[in-house]
Structure formats: structure tokens, C-alpha cells
């Protein structure tokens, strides 16, 4: 997972100690030692969340995002965006990624992945994939060089997201996200810290915060998720229509170094 968390409300933090703090604000020794352990209940919450996600026959998801980008001098920029998913069954989806700097659409019908750039009016396809959405998203970054936002939503609760790599897991506390009661958990695994706020009512994730250790600046990726699991999603909604866009070649990541001048996407 890709993608520092500062809180200016120091007075509030002092007045209301966090669950793992003593009244003085300092973590007591026994709990400090426990903070580096894996709380079974936190892992169980992930399992419940995975089951809830896997049980959805279809859904639409609207996410507001904030992504940190690190400049060459170490300065961080936080850029806002949105991610929208429409998912039907185990192997059909549409995702749209928007920001002031980027607009991409990706369509998958179980066989063909289409990547569309509406602003530039180009698209490229990868055919004969014949894989489930989970299988596609689990290795799309390394196999195709295509990174899907919020891909873990498809992997939680599957072998593609093993919990035995988790080095630390803890329950932070009960909180509300957009008025909905959630339970806030924090996890650490090699190269990344991440937090998730899970709905009490649906066991679906309502918010994510991912902090990458790959850069000393510790960039974050944050997403707040709004689900619609009731409205039916039709196959027609997930169909790509060129509408005047020009098809160009898709170059897999393994070949990209040899195809810089060939017009590939």
C-alpha cells in the first residue's frame, strides 16, 4: 500500500487522553510494550470486514481522497481527489479516478481491461486476461504497471491479503465517520502503517489512512468511503464506449523500458 499525521488540537489531546494513554498523557509501561503486539480482536475485525466485503454481490463506492506527494527537497504536497467504483459480481467493475491533475477510467469485463484518458481522448486495452477482479488487482501493479486505487477492498479476506504479515495491531477507539459509528484500528506491516475505521452496522470500511515508510517524509494516503450496496449495478454501466477516443498500444511494465518511443500507454 502506498501512501504525517499532525493534529493541532493539543489542548483536546491533553484534556482527553487516548485509550492507550494514562491520565498524564504518557503511555504506561505495560501498555507500551503491548502496543508492539498483535491484538487478536483487531485481526478478527479485519476478518469480519473481509467477509462483509466478499458477501457483496454488487456495490457502488464513492471515495474522497487525499494523497501526499513528496518533492525532491522533501516538501510534501497534499492533493485531493475522488475515486468511484461500480462493481458487479466477481469479475466486472468500473473505476473512475479524478483530480485537478488527472482523470482516468478503467473498465474490466472479466476478459478485457480498458484504460481510458477522457481528457486526452486516448484508450488502451489488455485482452485475454480471463481472471477474477481479485486476481487482476492482486498483481496488476507488478504484472501490468497499473495501480488501482483502493485495491485492498478486493483483497481483504482472501489469500491475497495474508494477516500473518501484520507486525502490530491495536484497537484505537470508537469514533464517528460522517455521523456513522465506527471502530478505529491501527496496523503495521513491513514498509507501511495503516489505519481503518470499520462501520459498527455493516462491518464495511468507512475510512482509511495509509502511511508509507518507503520515503523518509512518510507520505499519507487517506480515503473516506461512502457505500451503496442496495442499488443494482447493470452490465451496461460497466461497458466502455470509445465515443471518438483513439486507441493506442498498451505496453506491459516488463516491456516499457524498450518502448518509450512507440506511443504506448
Protein backbone atom coordinates (compact mmCIF):
# COMPACT_ATOMS: atom_id res chain seq x y z
CA UNK A 1 0.00 0.00 0.00
CA UNK A 2 1.22 3.42 -0.97
CA UNK A 3 0.84 6.46 0.57
CA UNK A 4 2.49 12.64 8.68
CA UNK A 5 -0.25 12.87 10.60
CA UNK A 6 -0.30 16.14 12.53
CA UNK A 7 -3.01 17.21 14.98
CA UNK A 8 -3.17 20.89 16.06
CA UNK A 9 -5.72 20.16 18.79
CA UNK A 10 -3.11 19.74 21.53
CA UNK A 11 -5.43 21.06 24.23
CA UNK A 12 -8.04 18.46 23.31
CA UNK A 13 -5.47 15.68 23.38
CA UNK A 14 -4.32 16.75 26.83
CA UNK A 15 -7.88 17.02 28.13
CA UNK A 16 -8.98 13.66 26.72
CA UNK A 17 -6.23 11.00 26.85
CA UNK A 18 -6.28 8.43 24.08
CA UNK A 19 -7.27 4.87 25.03
CA UNK A 20 -3.69 3.64 25.40
CA UNK A 21 -2.56 6.67 27.44
CA UNK A 22 -2.62 7.27 31.17
CA UNK A 23 -4.32 10.36 32.58
CA UNK A 24 -0.99 12.21 32.41
CA UNK A 25 -0.77 11.53 28.68
CA UNK A 26 2.25 9.23 28.95
CA UNK A 27 1.80 5.58 27.94
CA UNK A 28 2.23 3.26 30.95
CA UNK A 29 4.99 0.68 30.59
CA UNK A 30 2.84 -2.47 30.30
CA UNK A 31 0.59 -0.98 27.61
CA UNK A 32 3.58 0.50 25.77
CA UNK A 33 5.03 -2.98 25.45
CA UNK A 34 1.67 -4.29 24.30
CA UNK A 35 1.46 -1.63 21.57
CA UNK A 36 4.02 -3.60 19.53
CA UNK A 37 1.93 -6.80 19.70
CA UNK A 38 -0.92 -8.07 17.58
CA UNK A 39 -4.32 -7.76 19.26
CA UNK A 40 -6.38 -10.81 18.14
CA UNK A 41 -9.58 -8.75 18.23
CA UNK A 42 -8.12 -6.24 15.77
CA UNK A 43 -7.27 -9.08 13.38
CA UNK A 44 -10.72 -10.57 13.93
CA UNK A 45 -12.22 -7.21 12.93
CA UNK A 46 -10.31 -7.45 9.65
CA UNK A 47 -11.69 -10.93 9.10
CA UNK A 48 -15.25 -9.71 9.67
CA UNK A 49 -14.66 -6.81 7.31
CA UNK A 50 -13.30 -9.17 4.66
CA UNK A 51 -16.36 -11.41 4.95
CA UNK A 52 -18.67 -8.41 4.64
CA UNK A 53 -16.85 -7.24 1.51
CA UNK A 54 -16.81 -10.68 -0.08
CA UNK A 55 -20.56 -11.10 0.56
CA UNK A 56 -21.48 -8.10 -1.62
CA UNK A 57 -22.90 -9.23 -4.99
CA UNK A 58 -22.62 -5.68 -6.29
CA UNK A 59 -21.90 -2.20 -4.98
CA UNK A 60 -21.08 1.37 -5.85
CA UNK A 61 -18.48 3.23 -3.86
CA UNK A 62 -17.66 6.95 -3.77
CA UNK A 63 -14.41 7.90 -2.06
CA UNK A 64 -12.91 11.30 -1.35
CA UNK A 65 -9.15 11.04 -1.20
CA UNK A 66 -6.07 12.98 -0.15
CA UNK A 67 -2.69 11.91 -1.43
CA UNK A 68 0.70 13.20 -0.25
CA UNK A 69 3.34 13.75 -2.91
CA UNK A 70 6.95 14.36 -1.86
CA UNK A 71 9.05 16.87 -3.80
CA UNK A 72 12.76 16.38 -4.43
CA UNK A 73 13.60 18.69 -1.49
CA UNK A 74 11.41 16.63 0.89
CA UNK A 75 8.47 19.02 0.98
CA UNK A 76 5.07 17.31 0.95
CA UNK A 77 2.06 18.36 -1.09
CA UNK A 78 -1.42 17.07 -0.27
CA UNK A 79 -3.68 16.79 -3.31
CA UNK A 80 -7.38 16.00 -3.17
CA UNK A 81 -9.27 13.70 -5.50
CA UNK A 82 -12.11 11.24 -5.85
CA UNK A 83 -12.37 7.54 -6.66
CA UNK A 84 -15.62 5.95 -7.78
CA UNK A 85 -16.18 2.20 -8.20
CA UNK A 86 -19.08 0.27 -9.70
CA UNK A 87 -18.73 -3.47 -9.15
CA UNK A 88 -20.84 -6.34 -10.42
CA UNK A 89 -20.10 -9.90 -9.39
CA UNK A 90 -16.61 -11.33 -9.04
CA UNK A 91 -15.17 -10.15 -12.34
CA UNK A 92 -16.75 -6.92 -13.60
CA UNK A 93 -16.02 -3.39 -12.48
CA UNK A 94 -15.59 0.23 -13.49
CA UNK A 95 -13.39 2.71 -11.63
CA UNK A 96 -13.00 6.43 -12.22
CA UNK A 97 -10.14 8.45 -10.71
CA UNK A 98 -10.45 12.24 -10.73
CA UNK A 99 -8.38 15.16 -9.52
CA UNK A 100 -7.41 18.56 -10.88
CA UNK A 101 -4.34 16.87 -12.36
CA UNK A 102 -5.68 13.53 -13.60
CA UNK A 103 -8.76 11.84 -14.98
CA UNK A 104 -8.69 8.11 -15.69
CA UNK A 105 -11.34 5.47 -16.23
CA UNK A 106 -10.75 1.72 -16.09
CA UNK A 107 -13.21 -0.91 -17.27
CA UNK A 108 -12.96 -4.66 -16.70
CA UNK A 109 -15.41 -7.26 -18.02
CA UNK A 110 -13.68 -10.43 -16.87
CA UNK A 111 -11.65 -10.70 -20.06
CA UNK A 112 -10.50 -7.25 -21.20
CA UNK A 113 -9.13 -4.33 -19.21
CA UNK A 114 -9.60 -0.92 -20.84
CA UNK A 115 -7.75 2.17 -19.64
CA UNK A 116 -9.27 5.45 -20.81
CA UNK A 117 -8.00 9.01 -20.53
CA UNK A 118 -11.06 11.21 -21.22
CA UNK A 119 -9.11 14.47 -21.26
CA UNK A 120 -6.58 13.27 -23.83
CA UNK A 121 -9.18 11.08 -25.63
CA UNK A 122 -6.92 8.02 -25.71
CA UNK A 123 -7.58 4.47 -24.59
CA UNK A 124 -5.69 1.19 -24.47
CA UNK A 125 -6.77 -2.38 -23.84
CA UNK A 126 -5.30 -5.54 -22.36
CA UNK A 127 -7.14 -8.58 -23.67
CA UNK A 128 -7.46 -12.26 -22.78
CA UNK A 129 -6.95 -11.72 -19.05
CA UNK A 130 -9.79 -14.10 -18.07
CA UNK A 131 -9.35 -13.51 -14.35
CA UNK A 132 -11.45 -12.52 -11.38
CA UNK A 133 -11.26 -8.95 -10.12
CA UNK A 134 -9.32 -10.18 -7.08
CA UNK A 135 -6.75 -11.96 -9.20
CA UNK A 136 -6.35 -8.99 -11.53
CA UNK A 137 -5.92 -6.42 -8.78
CA UNK A 138 -3.56 -8.57 -6.70
CA UNK A 139 -0.74 -8.32 -9.22
CA UNK A 140 -1.75 -5.62 -11.69
CA UNK A 141 0.95 -3.23 -10.43
CA UNK A 142 3.80 -5.68 -10.98
CA UNK A 143 2.41 -7.51 -14.00
CA UNK A 144 0.90 -4.62 -15.95
CA UNK A 145 2.25 -1.49 -14.27
CA UNK A 146 -1.33 -0.43 -13.45
CA UNK A 147 -2.05 0.61 -9.86
CA UNK A 148 -5.71 0.53 -8.84
CA UNK A 149 -6.75 2.83 -6.01
CA UNK A 150 -8.27 1.05 -3.00
CA UNK A 151 -7.34 -2.33 -4.47
CA UNK A 152 -7.24 -3.82 -0.95
CA UNK A 153 -11.04 -3.67 -0.89
CA UNK A 154 -10.96 -6.63 -3.27
CA UNK A 155 -8.23 -8.48 -1.38
CA UNK A 156 -9.22 -8.29 2.29
CA UNK A 157 -10.45 -11.67 3.42
CA UNK A 158 -8.63 -13.54 0.64
CA UNK A 159 -5.20 -15.21 0.43
CA UNK A 160 -4.06 -12.10 -1.43
CA UNK A 161 -4.04 -10.24 1.90
CA UNK A 162 -2.44 -12.56 4.49
CA UNK A 163 -2.79 -11.38 8.08
CA UNK A 164 0.38 -13.15 9.22
CA UNK A 165 2.47 -10.26 7.82
CA UNK A 166 0.91 -7.87 10.37
CA UNK A 167 3.53 -6.88 12.95
CA UNK A 168 1.31 -4.71 15.15
CA UNK A 169 -2.45 -4.40 15.52
CA UNK A 170 -4.44 -2.39 18.03
CA UNK A 171 -7.91 -1.03 18.69
CA UNK A 172 -7.74 2.78 18.90
CA UNK A 173 -11.30 3.58 19.94
CA UNK A 174 -14.89 4.17 18.87
CA UNK A 175 -15.36 7.12 16.54
CA UNK A 176 -17.87 8.53 14.07
CA UNK A 177 -17.20 8.99 10.37
CA UNK A 178 -19.77 11.19 8.65
CA UNK A 179 -22.10 10.51 11.58
CA UNK A 180 -21.76 6.72 11.38
CA UNK A 181 -20.48 4.78 14.40
CA UNK A 182 -17.19 3.03 13.65
CA UNK A 183 -14.34 1.26 15.40
CA UNK A 184 -10.89 2.60 14.64
CA UNK A 185 -7.98 0.13 14.28
CA UNK A 186 -4.28 0.68 13.56
CA UNK A 187 -1.90 -1.81 11.96
CA UNK A 188 1.74 -2.06 10.98
CA UNK A 189 3.34 -4.38 8.48
CA UNK A 190 6.65 -4.23 6.59
CA UNK A 191 7.02 -0.85 4.91
CA UNK A 192 3.66 0.59 5.89
CA UNK A 193 1.45 1.75 8.76
CA UNK A 194 -2.27 1.81 8.09
CA UNK A 195 -5.48 2.60 9.90
CA UNK A 196 -9.06 1.66 9.16
CA UNK A 197 -12.38 2.82 10.56
CA UNK A 198 -14.91 -0.04 10.31
CA UNK A 199 -18.67 0.51 10.48
CA UNK A 200 -20.40 -0.98 13.53
CA UNK A 201 -23.53 -1.59 11.47
CA UNK A 202 -22.19 -3.07 8.23
CA UNK A 203 -18.60 -4.10 9.07
CA UNK A 204 -17.54 -2.25 5.90
CA UNK A 205 -14.58 0.17 5.97
CA UNK A 206 -15.59 3.83 6.16
CA UNK A 207 -12.16 5.45 6.23
CA UNK A 208 -8.54 4.51 5.51
CA UNK A 209 -5.23 6.17 6.29
CA UNK A 210 -2.08 4.61 4.85
CA UNK A 211 1.43 5.84 5.70
CA UNK A 212 4.31 4.66 3.54
CA UNK A 213 7.75 4.04 5.06
CA UNK A 214 9.37 3.92 1.62
CA UNK A 215 10.09 7.66 1.85
CA UNK A 216 11.59 9.41 4.92
CA UNK A 217 8.85 12.04 4.62
CA UNK A 218 6.25 9.33 5.42
CA UNK A 219 3.61 10.31 2.84
CA UNK A 220 -0.02 9.51 3.57
CA UNK A 221 -2.97 8.36 1.51
CA UNK A 222 -6.38 8.99 3.07
CA UNK A 223 -9.79 7.95 1.78
CA UNK A 224 -13.28 8.40 3.19
CA UNK A 225 -15.69 5.83 1.73
CA UNK A 226 -19.43 6.05 1.03
CA UNK A 227 -21.11 2.78 0.07
CA UNK A 228 -24.30 1.98 -1.80
CA UNK A 229 -24.93 -1.76 -1.60
CA UNK A 230 -28.64 -1.63 -2.43
CA UNK A 231 -28.82 -0.09 -5.89
CA UNK A 232 -28.39 -2.68 -8.61
CA UNK A 233 -25.42 -2.31 -10.92
CA UNK A 234 -26.06 -3.26 -14.55
CA UNK A 235 -23.54 -4.63 -17.01
CA UNK A 236 -24.43 -1.74 -19.31
CA UNK A 237 -22.97 0.74 -16.79
CA UNK A 238 -19.64 -1.05 -16.93
CA UNK A 239 -19.31 -1.10 -20.71
CA UNK A 240 -16.65 1.04 -22.39
CA UNK A 241 -17.71 3.18 -25.34
CA UNK A 242 -14.91 4.93 -27.24
CA UNK A 243 -17.04 7.96 -28.24
CA UNK A 244 -14.35 9.30 -30.55
CA UNK A 245 -11.35 8.32 -28.42
CA UNK A 246 -8.28 6.99 -30.24
CA UNK A 247 -6.91 3.55 -29.40
CA UNK A 248 -3.19 3.34 -28.68
CA UNK A 249 -0.91 0.47 -27.73
CA UNK A 250 -0.71 -0.76 -24.17
CA UNK A 251 2.85 -1.67 -23.15
CA UNK A 252 3.18 -4.03 -20.14
CA UNK A 253 5.55 -2.82 -17.47
CA UNK A 254 8.11 -5.51 -18.31
CA UNK A 255 8.44 -4.06 -21.81
CA UNK A 256 8.03 -0.39 -21.00
CA UNK A 257 11.75 0.31 -20.88
CA UNK A 258 12.07 -0.73 -24.52
CA UNK A 259 9.02 1.11 -25.77
CA UNK A 260 9.43 4.71 -24.67
CA UNK A 261 9.16 5.99 -28.25
CA UNK A 262 6.37 3.76 -29.51
CA UNK A 263 3.37 5.72 -28.29
CA UNK A 264 2.26 3.15 -25.72
CA UNK A 265 0.14 3.81 -22.67
